[in-house]
Amino acid sequence: MPKCKNLITSKISITNFAVISLVIAYMMMKMQAGMDDQVFAELKKLQQVQEASFTYGSYDVVIKVKFKTIEDLDRFLFEKIRRIKGITETSSMIVAKQVV
């Protein structure tokens, strides 16, 4: 019986930790031909960008970003990303559930 009591106590103490939820999103972007270096230089300046990759296919660039709120994500998209010279189109995917 003491082993069960220890397991239950451990489980209760684990639930006391604060959980921080973040808004994680991937933003895909199209850009003007020949603007690769300029767009990359601007993306490197943005601390919110966790990853940035040039891609083949429908979009030229994909970035991964994390924010505390969806409003922060909105501000970032409209005030930072869409103002970068050379970016012509954006599409965002907000992560519903991270599995790995």
N, C-alpha and C. Protein backbone atom coordinates (compact mmCIF):
# COMPACT_ATOMS: atom_id res chain seq x y z
N MET A 1 0.81 -1.21 0.00
CA MET A 1 0.00 0.00 0.00
C MET A 1 0.85 1.27 0.00
N PRO A 2 1.96 1.34 0.70
CA PRO A 2 2.77 2.56 0.66
C PRO A 2 3.24 2.91 -0.75
N LYS A 3 3.54 1.92 -1.60
CA LYS A 3 3.98 2.21 -2.96
C LYS A 3 2.89 2.96 -3.72
N CYS A 4 1.66 2.53 -3.60
CA CYS A 4 0.55 3.22 -4.27
C CYS A 4 0.41 4.65 -3.78
N LYS A 5 0.55 4.81 -2.48
CA LYS A 5 0.43 6.16 -1.93
C LYS A 5 1.52 7.07 -2.49
N ASN A 6 2.74 6.56 -2.63
CA ASN A 6 3.84 7.36 -3.19
C ASN A 6 3.57 7.73 -4.65
N LEU A 7 3.01 6.80 -5.40
CA LEU A 7 2.70 7.09 -6.80
C LEU A 7 1.66 8.19 -6.90
N ILE A 8 0.63 8.10 -6.09
CA ILE A 8 -0.42 9.11 -6.11
C ILE A 8 0.13 10.46 -5.70
N THR A 9 0.95 10.48 -4.67
CA THR A 9 1.56 11.74 -4.22
C THR A 9 2.43 12.34 -5.32
N SER A 10 3.20 11.49 -6.00
CA SER A 10 4.05 11.99 -7.08
C SER A 10 3.22 12.58 -8.20
N LYS A 11 2.13 11.91 -8.52
CA LYS A 11 1.27 12.40 -9.59
C LYS A 11 0.67 13.75 -9.23
N ILE A 12 0.26 13.92 -8.01
CA ILE A 12 -0.31 15.20 -7.57
C ILE A 12 0.73 16.31 -7.65
N SER A 13 1.94 16.03 -7.23
CA SER A 13 2.96 17.07 -7.27
C SER A 13 3.30 17.46 -8.70
N ILE A 14 3.22 16.53 -9.64
CA ILE A 14 3.49 16.84 -11.04
C ILE A 14 2.45 17.80 -11.58
N THR A 15 1.22 17.66 -11.17
CA THR A 15 0.16 18.51 -11.70
C THR A 15 0.27 19.95 -11.21
N ASN A 16 1.13 20.21 -10.25
CA ASN A 16 1.28 21.57 -9.74
C ASN A 16 2.19 22.44 -10.60
N PHE A 17 2.85 21.85 -11.62
CA PHE A 17 3.70 22.63 -12.50
C PHE A 17 2.86 23.48 -13.44
N ALA A 18 3.34 24.68 -13.74
CA ALA A 18 2.64 25.57 -14.66
C ALA A 18 2.86 25.09 -16.09
N VAL A 19 1.84 25.13 -16.88
CA VAL A 19 1.92 24.75 -18.28
C VAL A 19 1.87 26.03 -19.11
N ILE A 20 2.86 26.20 -19.96
CA ILE A 20 2.90 27.38 -20.81
C ILE A 20 2.48 26.94 -22.21
N SER A 21 1.40 27.46 -22.70
CA SER A 21 0.97 27.09 -24.05
C SER A 21 1.38 28.21 -25.00
N LEU A 22 1.86 27.80 -26.14
CA LEU A 22 2.31 28.75 -27.14
C LEU A 22 1.54 28.55 -28.43
N VAL A 23 1.44 29.61 -29.20
CA VAL A 23 0.90 29.52 -30.54
C VAL A 23 2.09 29.28 -31.46
N ILE A 24 2.11 28.13 -32.11
CA ILE A 24 3.17 27.79 -33.04
C ILE A 24 2.56 27.82 -34.44
N ALA A 25 3.27 28.44 -35.37
CA ALA A 25 2.76 28.53 -36.73
C ALA A 25 3.89 28.40 -37.75
N TYR A 26 3.50 27.95 -38.92
CA TYR A 26 4.39 27.94 -40.07
C TYR A 26 3.83 28.95 -41.06
N MET A 27 4.70 29.82 -41.55
CA MET A 27 4.29 30.83 -42.52
C MET A 27 5.02 30.54 -43.83
N MET A 28 4.23 30.40 -44.88
CA MET A 28 4.79 30.18 -46.20
C MET A 28 4.72 31.50 -46.97
N MET A 29 5.75 31.79 -47.73
CA MET A 29 5.82 33.07 -48.43
C MET A 29 6.29 32.90 -49.86
N LYS A 30 5.72 33.71 -50.72
CA LYS A 30 6.22 33.85 -52.09
C LYS A 30 6.96 35.17 -52.15
N MET A 31 8.00 35.21 -52.99
CA MET A 31 8.74 36.47 -53.11
C MET A 31 9.10 36.77 -54.55
N GLN A 32 9.43 38.02 -54.77
CA GLN A 32 9.85 38.46 -56.10
C GLN A 32 11.15 37.78 -56.47
N ALA A 33 11.29 37.47 -57.75
CA ALA A 33 12.52 36.86 -58.24
C ALA A 33 13.71 37.77 -57.96
N GLY A 34 14.80 37.18 -57.53
CA GLY A 34 16.02 37.94 -57.27
C GLY A 34 16.09 38.61 -55.91
N MET A 35 15.08 38.42 -55.07
CA MET A 35 15.05 39.09 -53.76
C MET A 35 15.46 38.15 -52.62
N ASP A 36 15.97 36.97 -52.94
CA ASP A 36 16.30 35.97 -51.93
C ASP A 36 17.19 36.51 -50.82
N ASP A 37 18.29 37.12 -51.19
CA ASP A 37 19.25 37.59 -50.20
C ASP A 37 18.67 38.68 -49.30
N GLN A 38 17.91 39.59 -49.88
CA GLN A 38 17.32 40.68 -49.10
C GLN A 38 16.26 40.14 -48.13
N VAL A 39 15.41 39.23 -48.60
CA VAL A 39 14.37 38.66 -47.73
C VAL A 39 15.02 37.86 -46.62
N PHE A 40 16.00 37.05 -46.93
CA PHE A 40 16.69 36.25 -45.92
C PHE A 40 17.33 37.15 -44.86
N ALA A 41 17.96 38.24 -45.29
CA ALA A 41 18.60 39.17 -44.35
C ALA A 41 17.57 39.77 -43.39
N GLU A 42 16.40 40.11 -43.90
CA GLU A 42 15.35 40.68 -43.04
C GLU A 42 14.79 39.62 -42.08
N LEU A 43 14.60 38.41 -42.55
CA LEU A 43 14.08 37.34 -41.68
C LEU A 43 15.05 37.03 -40.54
N LYS A 44 16.35 37.08 -40.84
CA LYS A 44 17.36 36.81 -39.81
C LYS A 44 17.31 37.83 -38.67
N LYS A 45 16.82 39.02 -38.94
CA LYS A 45 16.74 40.08 -37.92
C LYS A 45 15.58 39.86 -36.94
N LEU A 46 14.62 39.03 -37.30
CA LEU A 46 13.41 38.86 -36.50
C LEU A 46 13.60 37.74 -35.47
N GLN A 47 13.62 38.11 -34.19
CA GLN A 47 13.88 37.14 -33.14
C GLN A 47 12.78 36.09 -33.01
N GLN A 48 11.59 36.39 -33.49
CA GLN A 48 10.47 35.46 -33.40
C GLN A 48 10.61 34.27 -34.35
N VAL A 49 11.46 34.41 -35.36
CA VAL A 49 11.64 33.33 -36.34
C VAL A 49 12.53 32.25 -35.73
N GLN A 50 11.94 31.07 -35.54
CA GLN A 50 12.67 29.94 -34.97
C GLN A 50 13.47 29.20 -36.05
N GLU A 51 12.89 29.09 -37.22
CA GLU A 51 13.52 28.42 -38.36
C GLU A 51 13.10 29.14 -39.64
N ALA A 52 13.98 29.13 -40.62
CA ALA A 52 13.64 29.69 -41.93
C ALA A 52 14.30 28.82 -42.99
N SER A 53 13.51 28.45 -44.01
CA SER A 53 14.03 27.59 -45.08
C SER A 53 13.53 28.07 -46.43
N PHE A 54 14.42 28.11 -47.40
CA PHE A 54 14.00 28.33 -48.78
C PHE A 54 13.54 26.98 -49.31
N THR A 55 12.46 26.99 -50.08
CA THR A 55 11.86 25.73 -50.52
C THR A 55 11.58 25.74 -52.02
N TYR A 56 11.43 24.53 -52.57
CA TYR A 56 10.95 24.35 -53.93
C TYR A 56 9.45 24.11 -53.85
N GLY A 57 8.72 24.50 -54.85
CA GLY A 57 7.28 24.25 -54.85
C GLY A 57 6.49 25.53 -54.92
N SER A 58 5.30 25.50 -54.34
CA SER A 58 4.38 26.64 -54.42
C SER A 58 4.88 27.86 -53.68
N TYR A 59 5.65 27.66 -52.63
CA TYR A 59 6.15 28.78 -51.83
C TYR A 59 7.67 28.79 -51.86
N ASP A 60 8.24 29.99 -51.71
CA ASP A 60 9.70 30.16 -51.79
C ASP A 60 10.38 30.05 -50.43
N VAL A 61 9.65 30.42 -49.36
CA VAL A 61 10.21 30.45 -48.01
C VAL A 61 9.18 29.91 -47.03
N VAL A 62 9.65 29.13 -46.05
CA VAL A 62 8.79 28.69 -44.95
C VAL A 62 9.51 29.04 -43.65
N ILE A 63 8.79 29.69 -42.73
CA ILE A 63 9.38 29.99 -41.43
C ILE A 63 8.51 29.37 -40.33
N LYS A 64 9.15 29.07 -39.22
CA LYS A 64 8.44 28.59 -38.03
C LYS A 64 8.55 29.68 -36.97
N VAL A 65 7.41 30.02 -36.36
CA VAL A 65 7.37 31.06 -35.34
C VAL A 65 6.59 30.58 -34.13
N LYS A 66 6.87 31.19 -32.98
CA LYS A 66 6.15 30.88 -31.73
C LYS A 66 5.77 32.19 -31.04
N PHE A 67 4.54 32.23 -30.53
CA PHE A 67 4.04 33.40 -29.83
C PHE A 67 3.21 32.98 -28.64
N LYS A 68 3.04 33.89 -27.69
CA LYS A 68 2.21 33.61 -26.52
C LYS A 68 0.73 33.65 -26.87
N THR A 69 0.34 34.53 -27.80
CA THR A 69 -1.08 34.67 -28.14
C THR A 69 -1.26 34.76 -29.66
N ILE A 70 -2.46 34.51 -30.10
CA ILE A 70 -2.79 34.64 -31.51
C ILE A 70 -2.70 36.10 -31.95
N GLU A 71 -2.98 37.01 -31.03
CA GLU A 71 -2.86 38.44 -31.34
C GLU A 71 -1.41 38.82 -31.63
N ASP A 72 -0.48 38.23 -30.89
CA ASP A 72 0.94 38.47 -31.16
C ASP A 72 1.32 37.96 -32.55
N LEU A 73 0.79 36.81 -32.91
CA LEU A 73 1.02 36.27 -34.25
C LEU A 73 0.47 37.20 -35.32
N ASP A 74 -0.74 37.69 -35.13
CA ASP A 74 -1.35 38.64 -36.07
C ASP A 74 -0.48 39.88 -36.26
N ARG A 75 -0.05 40.46 -35.13
CA ARG A 75 0.79 41.67 -35.20
C ARG A 75 2.08 41.40 -35.97
N PHE A 76 2.69 40.26 -35.68
CA PHE A 76 3.94 39.90 -36.35
C PHE A 76 3.73 39.79 -37.85
N LEU A 77 2.67 39.12 -38.25
CA LEU A 77 2.40 38.94 -39.68
C LEU A 77 2.17 40.27 -40.37
N PHE A 78 1.30 41.10 -39.81
CA PHE A 78 0.94 42.35 -40.47
C PHE A 78 1.97 43.46 -40.31
N GLU A 79 2.65 43.50 -39.17
CA GLU A 79 3.59 44.60 -38.92
C GLU A 79 5.04 44.28 -39.31
N LYS A 80 5.37 43.01 -39.40
CA LYS A 80 6.76 42.64 -39.73
C LYS A 80 6.85 41.94 -41.08
N ILE A 81 6.25 40.77 -41.20
CA ILE A 81 6.43 39.94 -42.39
C ILE A 81 5.91 40.62 -43.65
N ARG A 82 4.70 41.12 -43.62
CA ARG A 82 4.11 41.70 -44.84
C ARG A 82 4.73 43.04 -45.23
N ARG A 83 5.60 43.57 -44.39
CA ARG A 83 6.30 44.81 -44.72
C ARG A 83 7.69 44.57 -45.29
N ILE A 84 8.11 43.32 -45.35
CA ILE A 84 9.43 43.01 -45.90
C ILE A 84 9.37 43.16 -47.43
N LYS A 85 10.24 44.01 -47.95
CA LYS A 85 10.29 44.23 -49.39
C LYS A 85 10.70 42.93 -50.08
N GLY A 86 9.90 42.55 -51.07
CA GLY A 86 10.19 41.34 -51.83
C GLY A 86 9.21 40.21 -51.55
N ILE A 87 8.53 40.26 -50.41
CA ILE A 87 7.52 39.24 -50.12
C ILE A 87 6.22 39.67 -50.79
N THR A 88 5.68 38.78 -51.63
CA THR A 88 4.49 39.13 -52.41
C THR A 88 3.22 38.44 -51.91
N GLU A 89 3.37 37.34 -51.17
CA GLU A 89 2.19 36.60 -50.72
C GLU A 89 2.57 35.77 -49.49
N THR A 90 1.63 35.64 -48.56
CA THR A 90 1.86 34.80 -47.38
C THR A 90 0.67 33.89 -47.15
N SER A 91 0.95 32.77 -46.51
CA SER A 91 -0.10 31.85 -46.06
C SER A 91 0.40 31.25 -44.76
N SER A 92 -0.47 31.22 -43.76
CA SER A 92 -0.05 30.73 -42.43
C SER A 92 -0.82 29.48 -42.04
N MET A 93 -0.12 28.57 -41.38
CA MET A 93 -0.73 27.37 -40.82
C MET A 93 -0.41 27.35 -39.33
N ILE A 94 -1.44 27.39 -38.52
CA ILE A 94 -1.27 27.35 -37.06
C ILE A 94 -1.30 25.89 -36.62
N VAL A 95 -0.33 25.50 -35.83
CA VAL A 95 -0.23 24.12 -35.37
C VAL A 95 -1.37 23.81 -34.41
N ALA A 96 -2.11 22.75 -34.70
CA ALA A 96 -3.22 22.33 -33.83
C ALA A 96 -2.71 21.46 -32.69
N LYS A 97 -1.75 20.59 -32.99
CA LYS A 97 -1.20 19.68 -31.98
C LYS A 97 0.17 19.23 -32.43
N GLN A 98 1.13 19.37 -31.56
CA GLN A 98 2.50 18.96 -31.88
C GLN A 98 2.67 17.53 -31.39
N VAL A 99 3.09 16.63 -32.27
CA VAL A 99 3.17 15.23 -31.89
C VAL A 99 4.60 14.73 -31.65
N VAL A 100 5.58 15.43 -32.14
CA VAL A 100 6.97 15.02 -31.91
C VAL A 100 7.77 16.24 -31.53
